[in-house]
Amino acid sequence: MLGSIAGRIVRYAHCPVLITSRDGGLGVLVAMDLSDPSLPALSRGVQEARSRGVPLVALHVVDSASTNFGSGVVAPFGAPAPFATVEFLEQLRSATKSALEAAMTRVGADGSAVVLAGPPAATIVSYAKEIGAGLVMLGTRGKTGLARILLGSVAETVVADAECSVLAVRLADTAA
């Protein structure tokens, strides 16, 4: 229930946290949510990929639960809520990939932009394994209390489940 020590450090640390692994895979995978506060994680990923001389992959995961409009919710009069159409999902994926490529351009990143759909943490871990990443980088807001219970923590789950090293970069707090 308390989670791992590494997970708690990621949650509370005010600086980047590197969890190392013996896996010496190639490539740097930067998982990001496309918000402006997540750009520092992408910038650090660019630096890390260049210093290691390995490819960079920027990844955004569209949460599959959010692509079903009201999945599990019943519309008025007992009718099932509508689901996203194939066309809508393709438009969403295309627009998201364009936004990811624009973010990469903003920080001067060379590499691949990938958009996948699924549960974010599991999809990040699975894709990192699929491409043989040696390092996964992602931002964390360090949510605690009720926010963490309700929203979970992608960063903590990736730290716990990834077979490669993970660098969690604290995202800037934009709330005033």
C-alpha atoms as a PDB file:
ATOM      1  CA  MET A   1       0.000   0.000   0.000  1.00  0.00           C
ATOM      2  CA  LEU A   2       2.853   2.398   0.735  1.00  0.00           C
ATOM      3  CA  GLY A   3       4.634   1.712  -2.569  1.00  0.00           C
ATOM      4  CA  SER A   4       8.309   1.395  -3.199  1.00  0.00           C
ATOM      5  CA  ILE A   5      10.947   3.666  -1.741  1.00  0.00           C
ATOM      6  CA  ALA A   6      11.927   4.690  -5.273  1.00  0.00           C
ATOM      7  CA  GLY A   7       8.323   5.619  -5.995  1.00  0.00           C
ATOM      8  CA  ARG A   8       8.101   7.778  -2.885  1.00  0.00           C
ATOM      9  CA  ILE A   9      11.352   9.518  -3.771  1.00  0.00           C
ATOM     10  CA  VAL A  10       9.987  10.278  -7.252  1.00  0.00           C
ATOM     11  CA  ARG A  11       6.799  11.643  -5.658  1.00  0.00           C
ATOM     12  CA  TYR A  12       8.488  14.008  -3.201  1.00  0.00           C
ATOM     13  CA  ALA A  13      11.835  14.944  -4.780  1.00  0.00           C
ATOM     14  CA  HIS A  14      12.258  18.502  -6.009  1.00  0.00           C
ATOM     15  CA  CYS A  15      15.003  17.495  -8.426  1.00  0.00           C
ATOM     16  CA  PRO A  16      15.328  14.900 -11.198  1.00  0.00           C
ATOM     17  CA  VAL A  17      15.499  11.314  -9.921  1.00  0.00           C
ATOM     18  CA  LEU A  18      17.418   8.634 -11.829  1.00  0.00           C
ATOM     19  CA  ILE A  19      16.580   4.991 -11.137  1.00  0.00           C
ATOM     20  CA  THR A  20      19.254   2.880 -12.803  1.00  0.00           C
ATOM     21  CA  SER A  21      19.008  -0.598 -14.204  1.00  0.00           C
ATOM     22  CA  ARG A  22      21.544  -3.115 -15.374  1.00  0.00           C
ATOM     23  CA  ASP A  23      19.836  -3.250 -18.755  1.00  0.00           C
ATOM     24  CA  GLY A  24      22.118  -1.491 -21.209  1.00  0.00           C
ATOM     25  CA  GLY A  25      19.534  -0.964 -23.943  1.00  0.00           C
ATOM     26  CA  LEU A  26      19.947   1.640 -26.634  1.00  0.00           C
ATOM     27  CA  GLY A  27      17.977   4.773 -27.151  1.00  0.00           C
ATOM     28  CA  VAL A  28      16.244   7.337 -25.008  1.00  0.00           C
ATOM     29  CA  LEU A  29      12.475   7.284 -24.772  1.00  0.00           C
ATOM     30  CA  VAL A  30      10.878  10.510 -23.542  1.00  0.00           C
ATOM     31  CA  ALA A  31       7.251  10.071 -22.534  1.00  0.00           C
ATOM     32  CA  MET A  32       5.408  13.366 -22.322  1.00  0.00           C
ATOM     33  CA  ASP A  33       1.918  14.763 -21.940  1.00  0.00           C
ATOM     34  CA  LEU A  34       2.458  17.653 -24.409  1.00  0.00           C
ATOM     35  CA  SER A  35       2.008  20.362 -21.791  1.00  0.00           C
ATOM     36  CA  ASP A  36       4.458  23.275 -21.679  1.00  0.00           C
ATOM     37  CA  PRO A  37       5.676  22.172 -18.232  1.00  0.00           C
ATOM     38  CA  SER A  38       6.690  18.806 -19.765  1.00  0.00           C
ATOM     39  CA  LEU A  39       9.139  20.446 -22.206  1.00  0.00           C
ATOM     40  CA  PRO A  40      12.059  20.321 -19.705  1.00  0.00           C
ATOM     41  CA  ALA A  41      11.812  16.524 -19.697  1.00  0.00           C
ATOM     42  CA  LEU A  42      12.031  16.535 -23.505  1.00  0.00           C
ATOM     43  CA  SER A  43      14.968  18.970 -23.426  1.00  0.00           C
ATOM     44  CA  ARG A  44      16.831  16.745 -20.960  1.00  0.00           C
ATOM     45  CA  GLY A  45      16.033  13.757 -23.162  1.00  0.00           C
ATOM     46  CA  VAL A  46      17.621  15.514 -26.145  1.00  0.00           C
ATOM     47  CA  GLN A  47      20.767  16.207 -24.098  1.00  0.00           C
ATOM     48  CA  GLU A  48      20.927  12.638 -22.818  1.00  0.00           C
ATOM     49  CA  ALA A  49      20.452  11.079 -26.261  1.00  0.00           C
ATOM     50  CA  ARG A  50      23.139  13.323 -27.743  1.00  0.00           C
ATOM     51  CA  SER A  51      25.610  12.630 -24.936  1.00  0.00           C
ATOM     52  CA  ARG A  52      25.062   8.876 -25.302  1.00  0.00           C
ATOM     53  CA  GLY A  53      25.072   9.032 -29.102  1.00  0.00           C
ATOM     54  CA  VAL A  54      21.799   7.105 -29.268  1.00  0.00           C
ATOM     55  CA  PRO A  55      18.423   7.693 -30.939  1.00  0.00           C
ATOM     56  CA  LEU A  56      15.683   9.729 -29.266  1.00  0.00           C
ATOM     57  CA  VAL A  57      12.023   8.740 -29.365  1.00  0.00           C
ATOM     58  CA  ALA A  58       9.376  11.128 -28.040  1.00  0.00           C
ATOM     59  CA  LEU A  59       6.208   9.322 -26.999  1.00  0.00           C
ATOM     60  CA  HIS A  60       2.741  10.521 -26.124  1.00  0.00           C
ATOM     61  CA  VAL A  61       0.145   8.031 -24.946  1.00  0.00           C
ATOM     62  CA  VAL A  62      -3.487   8.851 -25.523  1.00  0.00           C
ATOM     63  CA  ASP A  63      -5.266   7.328 -22.555  1.00  0.00           C
ATOM     64  CA  SER A  64      -7.621   4.775 -24.081  1.00  0.00           C
ATOM     65  CA  ALA A  65     -10.190   5.462 -21.351  1.00  0.00           C
ATOM     66  CA  SER A  66     -10.409   9.106 -22.425  1.00  0.00           C
ATOM     67  CA  THR A  67     -11.042   8.257 -26.095  1.00  0.00           C
ATOM     68  CA  ASN A  68     -14.354   6.587 -25.293  1.00  0.00           C
ATOM     69  CA  PHE A  69     -16.731   9.438 -24.629  1.00  0.00           C
ATOM     70  CA  GLY A  70     -18.159   8.533 -21.268  1.00  0.00           C
ATOM     71  CA  SER A  71     -17.096   4.895 -21.417  1.00  0.00           C
ATOM     72  CA  GLY A  72     -19.073   3.035 -18.819  1.00  0.00           C
ATOM     73  CA  VAL A  73     -21.536   5.909 -18.496  1.00  0.00           C
ATOM     74  CA  VAL A  74     -25.152   5.612 -19.478  1.00  0.00           C
ATOM     75  CA  ALA A  75     -26.632   8.456 -21.488  1.00  0.00           C
ATOM     76  CA  PRO A  76     -30.099   9.840 -20.679  1.00  0.00           C
ATOM     77  CA  PHE A  77     -32.970   7.366 -20.925  1.00  0.00           C
ATOM     78  CA  GLY A  78     -30.664   4.385 -20.457  1.00  0.00           C
ATOM     79  CA  ALA A  79     -29.016   4.511 -23.878  1.00  0.00           C
ATOM     80  CA  PRO A  80     -25.314   3.642 -23.963  1.00  0.00           C
ATOM     81  CA  ALA A  81     -22.966   6.607 -24.258  1.00  0.00           C
ATOM     82  CA  PRO A  82     -21.419   7.068 -27.717  1.00  0.00           C
ATOM     83  CA  PHE A  83     -17.920   5.791 -28.414  1.00  0.00           C
ATOM     84  CA  ALA A  84     -15.269   7.527 -30.443  1.00  0.00           C
ATOM     85  CA  THR A  85     -15.371   6.650 -34.125  1.00  0.00           C
ATOM     86  CA  VAL A  86     -12.397   5.257 -36.005  1.00  0.00           C
ATOM     87  CA  GLU A  87     -12.202   8.514 -37.976  1.00  0.00           C
ATOM     88  CA  PHE A  88     -12.185  10.598 -34.802  1.00  0.00           C
ATOM     89  CA  LEU A  89      -9.442   8.458 -33.261  1.00  0.00           C
ATOM     90  CA  GLU A  90      -7.314   8.794 -36.405  1.00  0.00           C
ATOM     91  CA  GLN A  91      -7.792  12.580 -36.378  1.00  0.00           C
ATOM     92  CA  LEU A  92      -6.876  12.668 -32.695  1.00  0.00           C
ATOM     93  CA  ARG A  93      -3.750  10.583 -33.318  1.00  0.00           C
ATOM     94  CA  SER A  94      -2.708  12.798 -36.265  1.00  0.00           C
ATOM     95  CA  ALA A  95      -3.264  16.052 -34.348  1.00  0.00           C
ATOM     96  CA  THR A  96      -1.428  14.671 -31.329  1.00  0.00           C
ATOM     97  CA  LYS A  97       1.530  13.566 -33.458  1.00  0.00           C
ATOM     98  CA  SER A  98       1.696  17.058 -35.011  1.00  0.00           C
ATOM     99  CA  ALA A  99       1.721  18.614 -31.532  1.00  0.00           C
ATOM    100  CA  LEU A 100       4.459  16.201 -30.424  1.00  0.00           C
ATOM    101  CA  GLU A 101       6.553  17.025 -33.504  1.00  0.00           C
ATOM    102  CA  ALA A 102       6.056  20.760 -32.808  1.00  0.00           C
ATOM    103  CA  ALA A 103       7.266  20.248 -29.223  1.00  0.00           C
ATOM    104  CA  MET A 104      10.325  18.429 -30.554  1.00  0.00           C
ATOM    105  CA  THR A 105      11.031  21.308 -32.934  1.00  0.00           C
ATOM    106  CA  ARG A 106      10.704  23.820 -30.054  1.00  0.00           C
ATOM    107  CA  VAL A 107      13.527  22.114 -28.137  1.00  0.00           C
ATOM    108  CA  GLY A 108      15.656  21.216 -31.164  1.00  0.00           C
ATOM    109  CA  ALA A 109      15.078  17.477 -30.891  1.00  0.00           C
ATOM    110  CA  ASP A 110      16.115  15.070 -33.618  1.00  0.00           C
ATOM    111  CA  GLY A 111      14.329  11.770 -33.455  1.00  0.00           C
ATOM    112  CA  SER A 112      11.031   9.998 -33.844  1.00  0.00           C
ATOM    113  CA  ALA A 113       7.612  11.107 -32.630  1.00  0.00           C
ATOM    114  CA  VAL A 114       5.290   8.272 -31.662  1.00  0.00           C
ATOM    115  CA  VAL A 115       1.671   8.395 -30.505  1.00  0.00           C
ATOM    116  CA  LEU A 116       0.104   5.300 -28.988  1.00  0.00           C
ATOM    117  CA  ALA A 117      -3.222   4.612 -27.295  1.00  0.00           C
ATOM    118  CA  GLY A 118      -3.664   2.661 -24.089  1.00  0.00           C
ATOM    119  CA  PRO A 119      -3.218   2.946 -20.363  1.00  0.00           C
ATOM    120  CA  PRO A 120      -0.302   5.412 -20.089  1.00  0.00           C
ATOM    121  CA  ALA A 121       2.064   3.680 -17.651  1.00  0.00           C
ATOM    122  CA  ALA A 122       1.664   0.178 -19.089  1.00  0.00           C
ATOM    123  CA  THR A 123       1.971   1.498 -22.647  1.00  0.00           C
ATOM    124  CA  ILE A 124       5.176   3.406 -21.831  1.00  0.00           C
ATOM    125  CA  VAL A 125       6.760   0.368 -20.169  1.00  0.00           C
ATOM    126  CA  SER A 126       5.696  -1.957 -22.985  1.00  0.00           C
ATOM    127  CA  TYR A 127       6.944   0.360 -25.735  1.00  0.00           C
ATOM    128  CA  ALA A 128      10.273   0.934 -23.946  1.00  0.00           C
ATOM    129  CA  LYS A 129      10.782  -2.825 -23.884  1.00  0.00           C
ATOM    130  CA  GLU A 130       9.669  -3.189 -27.521  1.00  0.00           C
ATOM    131  CA  ILE A 131      12.223  -0.666 -28.804  1.00  0.00           C
ATOM    132  CA  GLY A 132      14.984  -1.727 -26.407  1.00  0.00           C
ATOM    133  CA  ALA A 133      15.252   1.662 -24.683  1.00  0.00           C
ATOM    134  CA  GLY A 134      18.140   2.075 -22.278  1.00  0.00           C
ATOM    135  CA  LEU A 135      16.508   5.050 -20.574  1.00  0.00           C
ATOM    136  CA  VAL A 136      12.938   6.237 -20.143  1.00  0.00           C
ATOM    137  CA  MET A 137      12.515   9.882 -19.230  1.00  0.00           C
ATOM    138  CA  LEU A 138       9.255  11.366 -18.082  1.00  0.00           C
ATOM    139  CA  GLY A 139       7.951  14.274 -16.136  1.00  0.00           C
ATOM    140  CA  THR A 140       6.262  14.050 -12.777  1.00  0.00           C
ATOM    141  CA  ARG A 141       4.214  16.563 -10.857  1.00  0.00           C
ATOM    142  CA  GLY A 142       4.728  14.751  -7.553  1.00  0.00           C
ATOM    143  CA  LYS A 143       1.054  14.517  -6.671  1.00  0.00           C
ATOM    144  CA  THR A 144       0.291  13.522  -3.114  1.00  0.00           C
ATOM    145  CA  GLY A 145      -2.772  12.896  -1.011  1.00  0.00           C
ATOM    146  CA  LEU A 146      -6.176  12.710  -2.661  1.00  0.00           C
ATOM    147  CA  ALA A 147      -4.886  13.784  -6.092  1.00  0.00           C
ATOM    148  CA  ARG A 148      -2.485  10.823  -6.130  1.00  0.00           C
ATOM    149  CA  ILE A 149      -5.161   8.389  -4.954  1.00  0.00           C
ATOM    150  CA  LEU A 150      -7.647   9.569  -7.577  1.00  0.00           C
ATOM    151  CA  LEU A 151      -5.252  10.035 -10.493  1.00  0.00           C
ATOM    152  CA  GLY A 152      -2.522   7.514  -9.708  1.00  0.00           C
ATOM    153  CA  SER A 153       1.033   8.141 -10.730  1.00  0.00           C
ATOM    154  CA  VAL A 154       2.305   7.222 -14.154  1.00  0.00           C
ATOM    155  CA  ALA A 155       5.876   8.047 -13.097  1.00  0.00           C
ATOM    156  CA  GLU A 156       5.766   5.778 -10.046  1.00  0.00           C
ATOM    157  CA  THR A 157       4.312   2.897 -12.046  1.00  0.00           C
ATOM    158  CA  VAL A 158       6.938   3.280 -14.782  1.00  0.00           C
ATOM    159  CA  VAL A 159       9.708   3.377 -12.146  1.00  0.00           C
ATOM    160  CA  ALA A 160       8.350   0.179 -10.606  1.00  0.00           C
ATOM    161  CA  ASP A 161       7.744  -1.721 -13.856  1.00  0.00           C
ATOM    162  CA  ALA A 162      10.362  -0.606 -16.406  1.00  0.00           C
ATOM    163  CA  GLU A 163      13.217  -2.973 -17.169  1.00  0.00           C
ATOM    164  CA  CYS A 164      15.544  -0.102 -18.100  1.00  0.00           C
ATOM    165  CA  SER A 165      16.733   3.009 -16.281  1.00  0.00           C
ATOM    166  CA  VAL A 166      14.156   5.737 -15.617  1.00  0.00           C
ATOM    167  CA  LEU A 167      14.779   9.454 -15.132  1.00  0.00           C
ATOM    168  CA  ALA A 168      11.831  11.288 -13.575  1.00  0.00           C
ATOM    169  CA  VAL A 169      12.066  15.048 -14.136  1.00  0.00           C
ATOM    170  CA  ARG A 170       9.995  17.295 -11.878  1.00  0.00           C
ATOM    171  CA  LEU A 171       7.630  19.342 -14.017  1.00  0.00           C
ATOM    172  CA  ALA A 172       7.157  23.041 -13.402  1.00  0.00           C
ATOM    173  CA  ASP A 173       4.073  23.859 -11.384  1.00  0.00           C
ATOM    174  CA  THR A 174       1.858  26.106 -13.479  1.00  0.00           C
ATOM    175  CA  ALA A 175      -0.803  26.610 -10.831  1.00  0.00           C
ATOM    176  CA  ALA A 176      -0.651  30.077  -9.354  1.00  0.00           C
END
